[in-house]
């Protein structure tokens, strides 16, 4: 028996189904694709033309960057930075739970 197949059987979600790692990789790739599609759609709809020059808009931005287990939170104002901090805490909790499940502790 190969070591790789035993690893996948031990770490499977539904017994004979795809492994946890495979599911997480596919979910991550899907989230990246959705995020890129949203960015492209937003960029295409916010093109300013002659009719939009008189309208001033206020844009806010924020985000979370993970370097290893450490989240770096940024935002254009305090309110948005607090929301990003909440998002970072939720993502950190999900990553920690995924680690515990995949290591067999839970």
Foldseek 3Di string as FASTA:
>chain_A
DDPVVVLQQVQCDPRPDGGPVVVVVVVVVVVVVVVVVVVVVVVVVPDDDPVCPVPDDDDKDWEWDDDDLDIDTDIPDDVVSVVRVVVSVVVSVVVVVSVCVSVPVD
